[in-house]
């Protein structure tokens, strides 16, 4: 299996979001969800957005530093 940055996606209560994505990014998210599922039911692109954003924010050193330095 590919080494992906995201682990399993929690089956949380669904929320509604509205966002426009470029077609190429949507295809990438669709492929990512398929790979993440390891042959099971693919994860929908909308369910990937929150964990990806959380991961991005939690690993952004500049953001963490700025947050610590915030008065």
PDB file of N, CA and C in Angstrom:
ATOM      1  N   UNK A   1       0.840  -1.193   0.000  1.00  0.00           N
ATOM      2  CA  UNK A   1       0.000   0.000   0.000  1.00  0.00           C
ATOM      3  C   UNK A   1       0.874   1.241   0.000  1.00  0.00           C
ATOM      4  N   UNK A   2       0.384   2.300  -0.615  1.00  0.00           N
ATOM      5  CA  UNK A   2       1.084   3.577  -0.643  1.00  0.00           C
ATOM      6  C   UNK A   2       1.120   4.182   0.752  1.00  0.00           C
ATOM      7  N   UNK A   3       2.201   4.879   1.058  1.00  0.00           N
ATOM      8  CA  UNK A   3       2.296   5.546   2.351  1.00  0.00           C
ATOM      9  C   UNK A   3       1.612   6.904   2.219  1.00  0.00           C
ATOM     10  N   UNK A   4       0.413   7.017   2.751  1.00  0.00           N
ATOM     11  CA  UNK A   4      -0.370   8.244   2.659  1.00  0.00           C
ATOM     12  C   UNK A   4      -0.257   9.033   3.949  1.00  0.00           C
ATOM     13  N   UNK A   5      -0.392  10.351   3.850  1.00  0.00           N
ATOM     14  CA  UNK A   5      -0.312  11.203   5.038  1.00  0.00           C
ATOM     15  C   UNK A   5      -1.531  11.072   5.934  1.00  0.00           C
ATOM     16  N   UNK A   6      -2.674  10.734   5.358  1.00  0.00           N
ATOM     17  CA  UNK A   6      -3.890  10.586   6.156  1.00  0.00           C
ATOM     18  C   UNK A   6      -4.079   9.139   6.553  1.00  0.00           C
ATOM     19  N   UNK A   7      -4.613   8.946   7.738  1.00  0.00           N
ATOM     20  CA  UNK A   7      -4.983   7.618   8.190  1.00  0.00           C
ATOM     21  C   UNK A   7      -6.466   7.415   7.925  1.00  0.00           C
ATOM     22  N   UNK A   8      -7.076   6.447   8.600  1.00  0.00           N
ATOM     23  CA  UNK A   8      -8.507   6.199   8.415  1.00  0.00           C
ATOM     24  C   UNK A   8      -9.338   7.447   8.719  1.00  0.00           C
ATOM     25  N   UNK A   9     -10.391   7.626   7.968  1.00  0.00           N
ATOM     26  CA  UNK A   9     -11.289   8.769   8.148  1.00  0.00           C
ATOM     27  C   UNK A   9     -12.410   8.363   9.104  1.00  0.00           C
ATOM     28  N   UNK A  10     -12.584   9.156  10.168  1.00  0.00           N
ATOM     29  CA  UNK A  10     -13.634   8.877  11.146  1.00  0.00           C
ATOM     30  C   UNK A  10     -15.003   9.031  10.487  1.00  0.00           C
ATOM     31  N   UNK A  11     -15.919   8.173  10.857  1.00  0.00           N
ATOM     32  CA  UNK A  11     -17.268   8.244  10.326  1.00  0.00           C
ATOM     33  C   UNK A  11     -18.083   9.170  11.218  1.00  0.00           C
ATOM     34  N   UNK A  12     -17.857  10.472  11.058  1.00  0.00           N
ATOM     35  CA  UNK A  12     -18.544  11.476  11.857  1.00  0.00           C
ATOM     36  C   UNK A  12     -19.913  11.806  11.277  1.00  0.00           C
ATOM     37  N   UNK A  13     -20.646  12.571  12.056  1.00  0.00           N
ATOM     38  CA  UNK A  13     -21.916  13.087  11.567  1.00  0.00           C
ATOM     39  C   UNK A  13     -21.621  13.970  10.357  1.00  0.00           C
ATOM     40  N   UNK A  14     -22.291  13.727   9.253  1.00  0.00           N
ATOM     41  CA  UNK A  14     -22.022  14.517   8.048  1.00  0.00           C
ATOM     42  C   UNK A  14     -22.373  15.993   8.233  1.00  0.00           C
ATOM     43  N   UNK A  15     -21.602  16.820   7.584  1.00  0.00           N
ATOM     44  CA  UNK A  15     -21.888  18.253   7.548  1.00  0.00           C
ATOM     45  C   UNK A  15     -21.971  18.667   6.099  1.00  0.00           C
ATOM     46  N   UNK A  16     -22.646  19.747   5.852  1.00  0.00           N
ATOM     47  CA  UNK A  16     -22.793  20.217   4.486  1.00  0.00           C
ATOM     48  C   UNK A  16     -21.792  21.334   4.238  1.00  0.00           C
ATOM     49  N   UNK A  17     -21.041  21.196   3.156  1.00  0.00           N
ATOM     50  CA  UNK A  17     -20.125  22.247   2.747  1.00  0.00           C
ATOM     51  C   UNK A  17     -20.363  22.546   1.276  1.00  0.00           C
ATOM     52  N   UNK A  18     -20.060  23.752   0.896  1.00  0.00           N
ATOM     53  CA  UNK A  18     -20.142  24.121  -0.500  1.00  0.00           C
ATOM     54  C   UNK A  18     -18.802  24.712  -0.892  1.00  0.00           C
ATOM     55  N   UNK A  19     -18.173  24.094  -1.863  1.00  0.00           N
ATOM     56  CA  UNK A  19     -16.877  24.566  -2.327  1.00  0.00           C
ATOM     57  C   UNK A  19     -16.724  24.187  -3.792  1.00  0.00           C
ATOM     58  N   UNK A  20     -16.103  25.059  -4.552  1.00  0.00           N
ATOM     59  CA  UNK A  20     -15.825  24.756  -5.945  1.00  0.00           C
ATOM     60  C   UNK A  20     -14.379  24.313  -6.051  1.00  0.00           C
ATOM     61  N   UNK A  21     -14.161  23.160  -6.655  1.00  0.00           N
ATOM     62  CA  UNK A  21     -12.819  22.627  -6.837  1.00  0.00           C
ATOM     63  C   UNK A  21     -12.503  22.535  -8.320  1.00  0.00           C
ATOM     64  N   UNK A  22     -11.254  22.779  -8.671  1.00  0.00           N
ATOM     65  CA  UNK A  22     -10.877  22.508 -10.051  1.00  0.00           C
ATOM     66  C   UNK A  22     -11.072  21.018 -10.334  1.00  0.00           C
ATOM     67  N   UNK A  23     -11.424  20.690 -11.561  1.00  0.00           N
ATOM     68  CA  UNK A  23     -11.688  19.295 -11.926  1.00  0.00           C
ATOM     69  C   UNK A  23     -10.487  18.403 -11.628  1.00  0.00           C
ATOM     70  N   UNK A  24      -9.285  18.893 -11.880  1.00  0.00           N
ATOM     71  CA  UNK A  24      -8.080  18.093 -11.637  1.00  0.00           C
ATOM     72  C   UNK A  24      -7.927  17.774 -10.152  1.00  0.00           C
ATOM     73  N   UNK A  25      -8.219  18.732  -9.279  1.00  0.00           N
ATOM     74  CA  UNK A  25      -8.123  18.479  -7.840  1.00  0.00           C
ATOM     75  C   UNK A  25      -9.183  17.479  -7.399  1.00  0.00           C
ATOM     76  N   UNK A  26     -10.373  17.572  -7.947  1.00  0.00           N
ATOM     77  CA  UNK A  26     -11.428  16.618  -7.613  1.00  0.00           C
ATOM     78  C   UNK A  26     -11.012  15.206  -8.011  1.00  0.00           C
ATOM     79  N   UNK A  27     -10.415  15.074  -9.193  1.00  0.00           N
ATOM     80  CA  UNK A  27      -9.930  13.752  -9.618  1.00  0.00           C
ATOM     81  C   UNK A  27      -8.863  13.234  -8.663  1.00  0.00           C
ATOM     82  N   UNK A  28      -7.960  14.132  -8.236  1.00  0.00           N
ATOM     83  CA  UNK A  28      -6.924  13.727  -7.286  1.00  0.00           C
ATOM     84  C   UNK A  28      -7.528  13.268  -5.962  1.00  0.00           C
ATOM     85  N   UNK A  29      -8.516  14.000  -5.467  1.00  0.00           N
ATOM     86  CA  UNK A  29      -9.172  13.619  -4.212  1.00  0.00           C
ATOM     87  C   UNK A  29      -9.911  12.288  -4.365  1.00  0.00           C
ATOM     88  N   UNK A  30     -10.530  12.084  -5.513  1.00  0.00           N
ATOM     89  CA  UNK A  30     -11.224  10.826  -5.779  1.00  0.00           C
ATOM     90  C   UNK A  30     -10.230   9.667  -5.763  1.00  0.00           C
ATOM     91  N   UNK A  31      -9.097   9.852  -6.426  1.00  0.00           N
ATOM     92  CA  UNK A  31      -8.057   8.818  -6.426  1.00  0.00           C
ATOM     93  C   UNK A  31      -7.510   8.586  -5.026  1.00  0.00           C
ATOM     94  N   UNK A  32      -7.300   9.649  -4.266  1.00  0.00           N
ATOM     95  CA  UNK A  32      -6.793   9.541  -2.899  1.00  0.00           C
ATOM     96  C   UNK A  32      -7.772   8.736  -2.043  1.00  0.00           C
ATOM     97  N   UNK A  33      -9.044   9.050  -2.158  1.00  0.00           N
ATOM     98  CA  UNK A  33     -10.072   8.325  -1.407  1.00  0.00           C
ATOM     99  C   UNK A  33     -10.120   6.850  -1.764  1.00  0.00           C
ATOM    100  N   UNK A  34      -9.889   6.550  -3.021  1.00  0.00           N
ATOM    101  CA  UNK A  34      -9.853   5.154  -3.471  1.00  0.00           C
ATOM    102  C   UNK A  34      -8.646   4.443  -2.875  1.00  0.00           C
ATOM    103  N   UNK A  35      -7.477   5.092  -2.906  1.00  0.00           N
ATOM    104  CA  UNK A  35      -6.268   4.486  -2.347  1.00  0.00           C
ATOM    105  C   UNK A  35      -6.373   4.324  -0.831  1.00  0.00           C
ATOM    106  N   UNK A  36      -6.960   5.298  -0.176  1.00  0.00           N
ATOM    107  CA  UNK A  36      -7.114   5.255   1.279  1.00  0.00           C
ATOM    108  C   UNK A  36      -8.014   4.099   1.704  1.00  0.00           C
ATOM    109  N   UNK A  37      -8.961   3.738   0.873  1.00  0.00           N
ATOM    110  CA  UNK A  37      -9.916   2.682   1.202  1.00  0.00           C
ATOM    111  C   UNK A  37      -9.315   1.281   1.100  1.00  0.00           C
ATOM    112  N   UNK A  38      -8.149   1.151   0.505  1.00  0.00           N
ATOM    113  CA  UNK A  38      -7.484  -0.152   0.360  1.00  0.00           C
ATOM    114  C   UNK A  38      -8.416  -1.226  -0.201  1.00  0.00           C
ATOM    115  N   UNK A  39      -9.092  -0.931  -1.280  1.00  0.00           N
ATOM    116  CA  UNK A  39      -9.957  -1.921  -1.909  1.00  0.00           C
ATOM    117  C   UNK A  39     -11.370  -1.948  -1.365  1.00  0.00           C
ATOM    118  N   UNK A  40     -11.640  -1.232  -0.282  1.00  0.00           N
ATOM    119  CA  UNK A  40     -12.995  -1.156   0.266  1.00  0.00           C
ATOM    120  C   UNK A  40     -13.781  -0.063  -0.437  1.00  0.00           C
ATOM    121  N   UNK A  41     -14.769   0.449   0.240  1.00  0.00           N
ATOM    122  CA  UNK A  41     -15.573   1.525  -0.320  1.00  0.00           C
ATOM    123  C   UNK A  41     -14.753   2.806  -0.325  1.00  0.00           C
ATOM    124  N   UNK A  42     -14.574   3.429  -1.485  1.00  0.00           N
ATOM    125  CA  UNK A  42     -13.782   4.658  -1.563  1.00  0.00           C
ATOM    126  C   UNK A  42     -14.344   5.761  -0.665  1.00  0.00           C
ATOM    127  N   UNK A  43     -13.445   6.557  -0.105  1.00  0.00           N
ATOM    128  CA  UNK A  43     -13.839   7.697   0.717  1.00  0.00           C
ATOM    129  C   UNK A  43     -14.198   8.839  -0.221  1.00  0.00           C
ATOM    130  N   UNK A  44     -15.343   9.456   0.012  1.00  0.00           N
ATOM    131  CA  UNK A  44     -15.793  10.559  -0.827  1.00  0.00           C
ATOM    132  C   UNK A  44     -14.855  11.754  -0.676  1.00  0.00           C
ATOM    133  N   UNK A  45     -14.600  12.494  -1.762  1.00  0.00           N
ATOM    134  CA  UNK A  45     -13.721  13.661  -1.683  1.00  0.00           C
ATOM    135  C   UNK A  45     -14.115  14.657  -0.591  1.00  0.00           C
ATOM    136  N   UNK A  46     -15.396  14.887  -0.382  1.00  0.00           N
ATOM    137  CA  UNK A  46     -15.826  15.846   0.641  1.00  0.00           C
ATOM    138  C   UNK A  46     -15.381  15.420   2.041  1.00  0.00           C
ATOM    139  N   UNK A  47     -15.289  14.106   2.289  1.00  0.00           N
ATOM    140  CA  UNK A  47     -14.865  13.615   3.608  1.00  0.00           C
ATOM    141  C   UNK A  47     -13.365  13.736   3.799  1.00  0.00           C
ATOM    142  N   UNK A  48     -12.622  13.975   2.744  1.00  0.00           N
ATOM    143  CA  UNK A  48     -11.175  14.124   2.842  1.00  0.00           C
ATOM    144  C   UNK A  48     -10.763  15.552   3.189  1.00  0.00           C
ATOM    145  N   UNK A  49     -11.595  16.515   2.871  1.00  0.00           N
ATOM    146  CA  UNK A  49     -11.211  17.919   2.992  1.00  0.00           C
ATOM    147  C   UNK A  49     -10.867  18.301   4.424  1.00  0.00           C
ATOM    148  N   UNK A  50     -11.720  17.982   5.384  1.00  0.00           N
ATOM    149  CA  UNK A  50     -11.467  18.374   6.775  1.00  0.00           C
ATOM    150  C   UNK A  50     -10.201  17.714   7.328  1.00  0.00           C
ATOM    151  N   UNK A  51     -10.028  16.392   7.212  1.00  0.00           N
ATOM    152  CA  UNK A  51      -8.797  15.799   7.739  1.00  0.00           C
ATOM    153  C   UNK A  51      -7.540  16.336   7.052  1.00  0.00           C
ATOM    154  N   UNK A  52      -7.630  16.621   5.760  1.00  0.00           N
ATOM    155  CA  UNK A  52      -6.469  17.173   5.061  1.00  0.00           C
ATOM    156  C   UNK A  52      -6.142  18.574   5.573  1.00  0.00           C
ATOM    157  N   UNK A  53      -7.163  19.386   5.762  1.00  0.00           N
ATOM    158  CA  UNK A  53      -6.932  20.725   6.295  1.00  0.00           C
ATOM    159  C   UNK A  53      -6.405  20.675   7.732  1.00  0.00           C
ATOM    160  N   UNK A  54      -6.963  19.783   8.546  1.00  0.00           N
ATOM    161  CA  UNK A  54      -6.472  19.629   9.920  1.00  0.00           C
ATOM    162  C   UNK A  54      -5.006  19.221   9.929  1.00  0.00           C
ATOM    163  N   UNK A  55      -4.657  18.282   9.066  1.00  0.00           N
ATOM    164  CA  UNK A  55      -3.273  17.816   8.966  1.00  0.00           C
ATOM    165  C   UNK A  55      -2.355  18.954   8.511  1.00  0.00           C
ATOM    166  N   UNK A  56      -2.806  19.695   7.516  1.00  0.00           N
ATOM    167  CA  UNK A  56      -2.023  20.819   7.006  1.00  0.00           C
ATOM    168  C   UNK A  56      -1.756  21.835   8.108  1.00  0.00           C
ATOM    169  N   UNK A  57      -2.805  22.244   8.809  1.00  0.00           N
ATOM    170  CA  UNK A  57      -2.667  23.254   9.860  1.00  0.00           C
ATOM    171  C   UNK A  57      -1.798  22.735  11.005  1.00  0.00           C
ATOM    172  N   UNK A  58      -1.987  21.479  11.392  1.00  0.00           N
ATOM    173  CA  UNK A  58      -1.237  20.939  12.532  1.00  0.00           C
ATOM    174  C   UNK A  58       0.242  20.732  12.223  1.00  0.00           C
ATOM    175  N   UNK A  59       0.612  20.652  10.954  1.00  0.00           N
ATOM    176  CA  UNK A  59       2.023  20.444  10.607  1.00  0.00           C
ATOM    177  C   UNK A  59       2.686  21.698  10.038  1.00  0.00           C
ATOM    178  N   UNK A  60       1.989  22.812  10.039  1.00  0.00           N
ATOM    179  CA  UNK A  60       2.551  24.064   9.525  1.00  0.00           C
ATOM    180  C   UNK A  60       3.353  24.741  10.641  1.00  0.00           C
ATOM    181  N   UNK A  61       4.664  24.622  10.562  1.00  0.00           N
ATOM    182  CA  UNK A  61       5.530  25.172  11.618  1.00  0.00           C
ATOM    183  C   UNK A  61       5.417  26.686  11.736  1.00  0.00           C
ATOM    184  N   UNK A  62       5.302  27.361  10.611  1.00  0.00           N
ATOM    185  CA  UNK A  62       5.156  28.813  10.639  1.00  0.00           C
ATOM    186  C   UNK A  62       3.893  29.232  11.363  1.00  0.00           C
ATOM    187  N   UNK A  63       2.809  28.509  11.122  1.00  0.00           N
ATOM    188  CA  UNK A  63       1.545  28.802  11.798  1.00  0.00           C
ATOM    189  C   UNK A  63       1.673  28.552  13.299  1.00  0.00           C
ATOM    190  N   UNK A  64       2.276  27.422  13.668  1.00  0.00           N
ATOM    191  CA  UNK A  64       2.439  27.097  15.093  1.00  0.00           C
ATOM    192  C   UNK A  64       3.293  28.142  15.800  1.00  0.00           C
ATOM    193  N   UNK A  65       4.362  28.557  15.153  1.00  0.00           N
ATOM    194  CA  UNK A  65       5.240  29.565  15.751  1.00  0.00           C
ATOM    195  C   UNK A  65       4.504  30.889  15.916  1.00  0.00           C
ATOM    196  N   UNK A  66       3.806  31.316  14.876  1.00  0.00           N
ATOM    197  CA  UNK A  66       3.048  32.572  14.942  1.00  0.00           C
ATOM    198  C   UNK A  66       1.981  32.514  16.024  1.00  0.00           C
ATOM    199  N   UNK A  67       1.370  31.355  16.187  1.00  0.00           N
ATOM    200  CA  UNK A  67       0.325  31.195  17.192  1.00  0.00           C
ATOM    201  C   UNK A  67       0.925  31.290  18.600  1.00  0.00           C
ATOM    202  N   UNK A  68       2.102  30.687  18.787  1.00  0.00           N
ATOM    203  CA  UNK A  68       2.771  30.755  20.098  1.00  0.00           C
ATOM    204  C   UNK A  68       3.200  32.181  20.430  1.00  0.00           C
ATOM    205  N   UNK A  69       3.618  32.925  19.421  1.00  0.00           N
ATOM    206  CA  UNK A  69       4.120  34.289  19.634  1.00  0.00           C
ATOM    207  C   UNK A  69       3.005  35.311  19.734  1.00  0.00           C
ATOM    208  N   UNK A  70       1.810  34.905  19.442  1.00  0.00           N
ATOM    209  CA  UNK A  70       0.663  35.805  19.492  1.00  0.00           C
ATOM    210  C   UNK A  70       0.466  36.279  20.929  1.00  0.00           C
ATOM    211  N   UNK A  71       0.366  37.614  21.103  1.00  0.00           N
ATOM    212  CA  UNK A  71       0.206  38.150  22.486  1.00  0.00           C
ATOM    213  C   UNK A  71      -1.113  37.817  23.113  1.00  0.00           C
TER     214      UNK A  71
END
